[in-house]
Amino acid sequence: MTKHRLPPAGRIILIQSLPWEKEIHEETRSIFDRLPDTDDQKFHNMITNLFLSFKKLSVILKRYQKHYKKLLDDGSSELEHYLPEIHSLDCQGRSYVLELYDPFLLTDLEVFFTGVKTTLDILVQFFDYKYRSNLGKFSKKGKSLLNEIKRNKKVINKTQFSDFINQNSSFLSEVKTFRDKVTHYSSLMPKKTLSFHYMLDETSKSKLTRINDMLEPLIEIKEGQFTGTKQYLSDVYKKTIDFCAEFVTLCYSNTD
């Protein structure tokens, strides 16, 4: 009996639409409008993966914002439970930083920055496809990519491409560093980082009545420089879109 090897099955991919699907299309149009038209299935799969990655980032961002607002609107049952003890605390002339961590917000922070790194990894595949390289992912905060741009003879806009990566080195470093902080930390978070926080002393303790009296969760983007997590996530989402748009433009342009 002759055995015949069947051809591999084709793929038909459906991705569930989101209620704000049009919004995501508008936000990412600057990326996908700059990609060339092609019938190559591998290229189409890369486009699908990149768009799906942005959909997931959008879901996480909106979920974070929604839970953040709900927490402020509804209050923290944990804080309310301990308020009597906080108000009766004998500070003995000392001050304390009260930190309130929310597992939902912490989880979404971790997933968001892991998602940004995944998005950058997918983005590099467009470079590999165009220039027949084998980077596979965005590593060493862009240094591997810079070395490949310099080495690869097919990249004719080396100066422009390298300048772009170098100009965005702070953004790439921030994303990588913070992703590592929230996924690999082995000790308590530093003060004023990722938690709602409040400075307690004999005078201030009685003024704390709800979570809105506390300061917002912060991210240390540079040594000694903090910014609110809620705004920072929105900024990173927009910055990732802008970075990807310029990246694909440089990949598929023919100017030096």
Protein backbone atom coordinates (compact mmCIF):
# COMPACT_ATOMS: atom_id res chain seq x y z
CA MET A 1 0.00 0.00 0.00
CA THR A 2 1.36 3.39 -0.98
CA LYS A 3 1.17 6.01 1.74
CA HIS A 4 0.49 9.56 0.66
CA ARG A 5 1.47 12.45 2.88
CA LEU A 6 -1.39 14.88 3.14
CA PRO A 7 -0.61 18.56 2.63
CA PRO A 8 -0.58 20.63 5.82
CA ALA A 9 -3.90 22.14 6.74
CA GLY A 10 -4.40 25.78 5.95
CA ARG A 11 -5.33 28.24 8.66
CA ILE A 12 -8.48 30.32 8.93
CA ILE A 13 -8.06 32.76 11.80
CA LEU A 14 -10.91 34.61 13.46
CA ILE A 15 -10.30 37.09 16.26
CA GLN A 16 -13.20 38.18 18.42
CA SER A 17 -13.95 41.87 17.99
CA LEU A 18 -13.87 44.20 20.96
CA PRO A 19 -16.52 46.82 21.72
CA TRP A 20 -13.88 49.48 20.96
CA GLU A 21 -12.49 47.72 17.86
CA LYS A 22 -12.71 50.84 15.67
CA GLU A 23 -10.74 52.78 18.26
CA ILE A 24 -7.87 50.27 18.11
CA HIS A 25 -7.89 50.38 14.30
CA GLU A 26 -7.64 54.16 14.40
CA GLU A 27 -4.90 54.12 17.04
CA THR A 28 -2.75 51.63 15.10
CA ARG A 29 -3.52 52.80 11.56
CA SER A 30 -0.15 54.58 11.42
CA ILE A 31 1.52 51.16 11.70
CA PHE A 32 -0.51 48.93 9.40
CA ASP A 33 -1.05 51.51 6.64
CA ARG A 34 2.74 51.63 6.20
CA LEU A 35 3.18 47.91 5.61
CA PRO A 36 3.39 46.70 2.00
CA ASP A 37 0.64 44.71 0.31
CA THR A 38 1.64 41.11 -0.27
CA ASP A 39 0.05 37.71 -0.77
CA ASP A 40 2.68 36.01 1.39
CA GLN A 41 0.94 34.05 4.13
CA LYS A 42 3.84 34.37 6.56
CA PHE A 43 3.71 38.15 6.29
CA HIS A 44 -0.04 38.14 6.85
CA ASN A 45 0.44 36.00 9.95
CA MET A 46 2.95 38.52 11.27
CA ILE A 47 0.44 41.32 10.73
CA THR A 48 -2.25 39.31 12.54
CA ASN A 49 0.08 38.64 15.47
CA LEU A 50 1.04 42.30 15.76
CA PHE A 51 -2.54 43.51 15.65
CA LEU A 52 -3.61 40.89 18.18
CA SER A 53 -0.78 42.02 20.46
CA PHE A 54 -2.11 45.59 20.38
CA LYS A 55 -5.63 44.36 21.05
CA LYS A 56 -4.39 42.58 24.17
CA LEU A 57 -2.50 45.69 25.31
CA SER A 58 -5.65 47.74 24.83
CA VAL A 59 -7.70 45.24 26.87
CA ILE A 60 -5.18 45.32 29.73
CA LEU A 61 -4.95 49.12 29.68
CA LYS A 62 -8.71 49.62 29.78
CA ARG A 63 -9.10 46.96 32.46
CA TYR A 64 -6.46 48.69 34.58
CA GLN A 65 -8.15 52.07 34.16
CA LYS A 66 -11.58 50.63 34.93
CA HIS A 67 -10.47 48.88 38.11
CA TYR A 68 -8.47 51.93 39.21
CA LYS A 69 -11.58 54.11 38.88
CA LYS A 70 -13.78 51.52 40.62
CA LEU A 71 -11.36 51.33 43.53
CA LEU A 72 -11.48 55.10 44.00
CA ASP A 73 -15.27 55.26 43.54
CA ASP A 74 -16.15 52.30 45.79
CA GLY A 75 -13.32 52.58 48.28
CA SER A 76 -11.07 49.92 49.77
CA SER A 77 -12.70 47.48 52.19
CA GLU A 78 -9.23 46.56 53.46
CA LEU A 79 -8.38 50.15 54.33
CA GLU A 80 -11.79 50.72 55.93
CA HIS A 81 -11.32 47.60 58.05
CA TYR A 82 -8.03 48.86 59.49
CA LEU A 83 -8.92 52.55 59.84
CA PRO A 84 -9.81 52.31 63.56
CA GLU A 85 -6.41 50.77 64.30
CA ILE A 86 -4.65 53.34 62.12
CA HIS A 87 -6.40 56.22 63.88
CA SER A 88 -5.47 54.84 67.31
CA LEU A 89 -1.87 54.08 66.32
CA ASP A 90 0.70 55.46 68.77
CA CYS A 91 3.32 56.84 66.42
CA GLN A 92 5.66 57.74 69.30
CA GLY A 93 7.08 60.67 67.39
CA ARG A 94 7.83 58.57 64.33
CA SER A 95 6.31 58.62 60.85
CA TYR A 96 5.26 55.62 58.78
CA VAL A 97 4.50 55.07 55.11
CA LEU A 98 1.20 53.22 54.81
CA GLU A 99 1.15 51.22 51.56
CA LEU A 100 -1.95 49.68 50.02
CA TYR A 101 -1.34 47.20 47.21
CA ASP A 102 -4.12 46.04 44.91
CA PRO A 103 -3.54 42.57 43.36
CA PHE A 104 -5.67 43.37 40.29
CA LEU A 105 -3.65 46.49 39.47
CA LEU A 106 -0.34 44.76 40.14
CA THR A 107 -1.29 41.83 37.92
CA ASP A 108 -2.32 44.10 35.05
CA LEU A 109 0.90 46.08 35.40
CA GLU A 110 2.93 42.91 35.05
CA VAL A 111 0.89 41.62 32.12
CA PHE A 112 0.96 45.01 30.37
CA PHE A 113 4.73 45.39 30.36
CA THR A 114 5.22 41.75 29.43
CA GLY A 115 2.81 42.46 26.54
CA VAL A 116 4.82 45.49 25.41
CA LYS A 117 7.97 43.35 25.31
CA THR A 118 6.08 40.71 23.30
CA THR A 119 4.91 43.41 20.87
CA LEU A 120 8.50 44.54 20.32
CA ASP A 121 9.54 40.92 19.75
CA ILE A 122 6.87 40.55 17.06
CA LEU A 123 7.98 43.84 15.52
CA VAL A 124 11.53 42.54 15.04
CA GLN A 125 10.11 39.74 12.88
CA PHE A 126 9.27 42.37 10.25
CA PHE A 127 12.95 43.32 10.19
CA ASP A 128 13.95 39.64 9.93
CA TYR A 129 11.48 39.13 7.08
CA LYS A 130 12.73 42.11 5.08
CA TYR A 131 16.45 41.64 5.60
CA ARG A 132 16.63 37.82 5.97
CA SER A 133 18.11 38.05 9.46
CA ASN A 134 17.48 35.78 12.44
CA LEU A 135 17.14 38.08 15.43
CA GLY A 136 13.81 36.56 16.45
CA LYS A 137 13.20 38.99 19.29
CA PHE A 138 14.01 42.42 20.68
CA SER A 139 16.96 41.75 22.97
CA LYS A 140 19.57 43.66 24.95
CA LYS A 141 17.48 46.85 24.82
CA GLY A 142 17.99 47.11 21.05
CA LYS A 143 21.74 46.48 20.97
CA SER A 144 21.40 43.22 19.04
CA LEU A 145 19.28 45.02 16.46
CA LEU A 146 21.82 47.83 16.17
CA ASN A 147 24.58 45.30 15.54
CA GLU A 148 22.50 43.60 12.85
CA ILE A 149 21.72 46.92 11.16
CA LYS A 150 25.44 47.63 11.02
CA ARG A 151 26.35 44.13 9.80
CA ASN A 152 23.54 43.43 7.32
CA LYS A 153 24.42 44.62 3.82
CA LYS A 154 20.76 44.62 2.76
CA VAL A 155 19.97 47.52 5.13
CA ILE A 156 20.67 50.59 3.04
CA ASN A 157 19.35 53.23 5.48
CA LYS A 158 21.76 52.23 8.25
CA THR A 159 22.37 55.71 9.62
CA GLN A 160 18.69 56.66 9.83
CA PHE A 161 17.71 53.31 11.31
CA SER A 162 20.50 53.32 13.90
CA ASP A 163 19.76 56.92 14.91
CA PHE A 164 16.12 56.01 15.44
CA ILE A 165 16.96 53.10 17.76
CA ASN A 166 19.46 55.21 19.70
CA GLN A 167 16.98 58.08 20.05
CA ASN A 168 14.48 55.67 21.59
CA SER A 169 16.99 53.93 23.86
CA SER A 170 15.51 55.55 27.00
CA PHE A 171 12.02 54.27 26.16
CA LEU A 172 13.30 50.77 25.37
CA SER A 173 15.37 50.70 28.54
CA GLU A 174 12.46 51.87 30.71
CA VAL A 175 10.12 49.20 29.35
CA LYS A 176 12.69 46.42 29.77
CA THR A 177 13.76 47.56 33.24
CA PHE A 178 10.24 47.90 34.57
CA ARG A 179 9.13 44.61 33.03
CA ASP A 180 11.99 42.95 34.91
CA LYS A 181 11.10 44.75 38.15
CA VAL A 182 7.50 43.59 38.22
CA THR A 183 8.20 40.03 37.05
CA HIS A 184 11.48 39.21 38.82
CA TYR A 185 11.41 41.11 42.13
CA SER A 186 12.27 39.01 45.17
CA SER A 187 11.71 41.46 48.00
CA LEU A 188 9.14 44.03 49.06
CA MET A 189 8.51 46.82 46.62
CA PRO A 190 10.36 50.09 47.34
CA LYS A 191 8.41 52.77 49.15
CA LYS A 192 5.96 54.80 47.08
CA THR A 193 6.18 52.35 44.19
CA LEU A 194 3.12 50.60 42.73
CA SER A 195 1.03 51.14 45.87
CA PHE A 196 -1.40 53.76 47.07
CA HIS A 197 0.56 55.35 49.90
CA TYR A 198 0.12 57.78 52.77
CA MET A 199 2.52 59.32 55.28
CA LEU A 200 1.28 58.57 58.79
CA ASP A 201 2.20 60.57 61.87
CA GLU A 202 0.37 61.83 64.95
CA THR A 203 -1.15 64.75 63.00
CA SER A 204 -1.97 63.09 59.69
CA LYS A 205 -3.34 59.70 60.84
CA SER A 206 -6.79 61.07 61.74
CA LYS A 207 -7.12 62.77 58.34
CA LEU A 208 -7.02 59.46 56.50
CA THR A 209 -10.62 58.39 55.92
CA ARG A 210 -10.63 56.77 52.44
CA ILE A 211 -8.37 55.62 49.67
CA ASN A 212 -8.81 58.95 47.85
CA ASP A 213 -6.81 60.58 50.66
CA MET A 214 -3.80 58.47 49.71
CA LEU A 215 -1.28 59.30 47.00
CA GLU A 216 -1.53 57.37 43.74
CA PRO A 217 0.67 54.39 42.81
CA LEU A 218 3.94 55.51 41.26
CA ILE A 219 6.54 54.10 38.92
CA GLU A 220 10.19 55.08 39.22
CA ILE A 221 11.07 55.70 35.57
CA LYS A 222 14.53 57.02 36.43
CA GLU A 223 16.45 57.11 39.67
CA GLY A 224 14.55 59.49 41.94
CA GLN A 225 12.02 60.37 39.21
CA PHE A 226 8.47 59.04 39.72
CA THR A 227 5.28 59.23 37.71
CA GLY A 228 1.74 57.90 38.24
CA THR A 229 1.16 54.37 36.98
CA LYS A 230 -2.23 55.15 35.40
CA GLN A 231 -0.87 57.92 33.18
CA TYR A 232 2.37 56.06 32.52
CA LEU A 233 0.59 53.04 31.08
CA SER A 234 -1.33 55.28 28.67
CA ASP A 235 1.89 57.03 27.67
CA VAL A 236 3.71 53.73 27.07
CA TYR A 237 0.82 52.41 24.97
CA LYS A 238 0.93 55.48 22.72
CA LYS A 239 4.73 55.45 22.61
CA THR A 240 4.72 51.79 21.57
CA ILE A 241 2.39 52.60 18.68
CA ASP A 242 4.58 55.52 17.56
CA PHE A 243 7.73 53.40 17.83
CA CYS A 244 6.23 50.56 15.80
CA ALA A 245 4.97 52.95 13.11
CA GLU A 246 8.38 54.52 12.59
CA PHE A 247 10.08 51.13 12.78
CA VAL A 248 8.05 49.60 9.93
CA THR A 249 8.52 52.78 7.91
CA LEU A 250 12.30 52.45 8.22
CA CYS A 251 12.11 48.73 7.46
CA TYR A 252 10.23 49.23 4.22
CA SER A 253 11.74 52.48 3.00
CA ASN A 254 14.61 52.70 0.51
CA THR A 255 16.21 55.91 1.59
CA ASP A 256 19.57 56.31 3.34
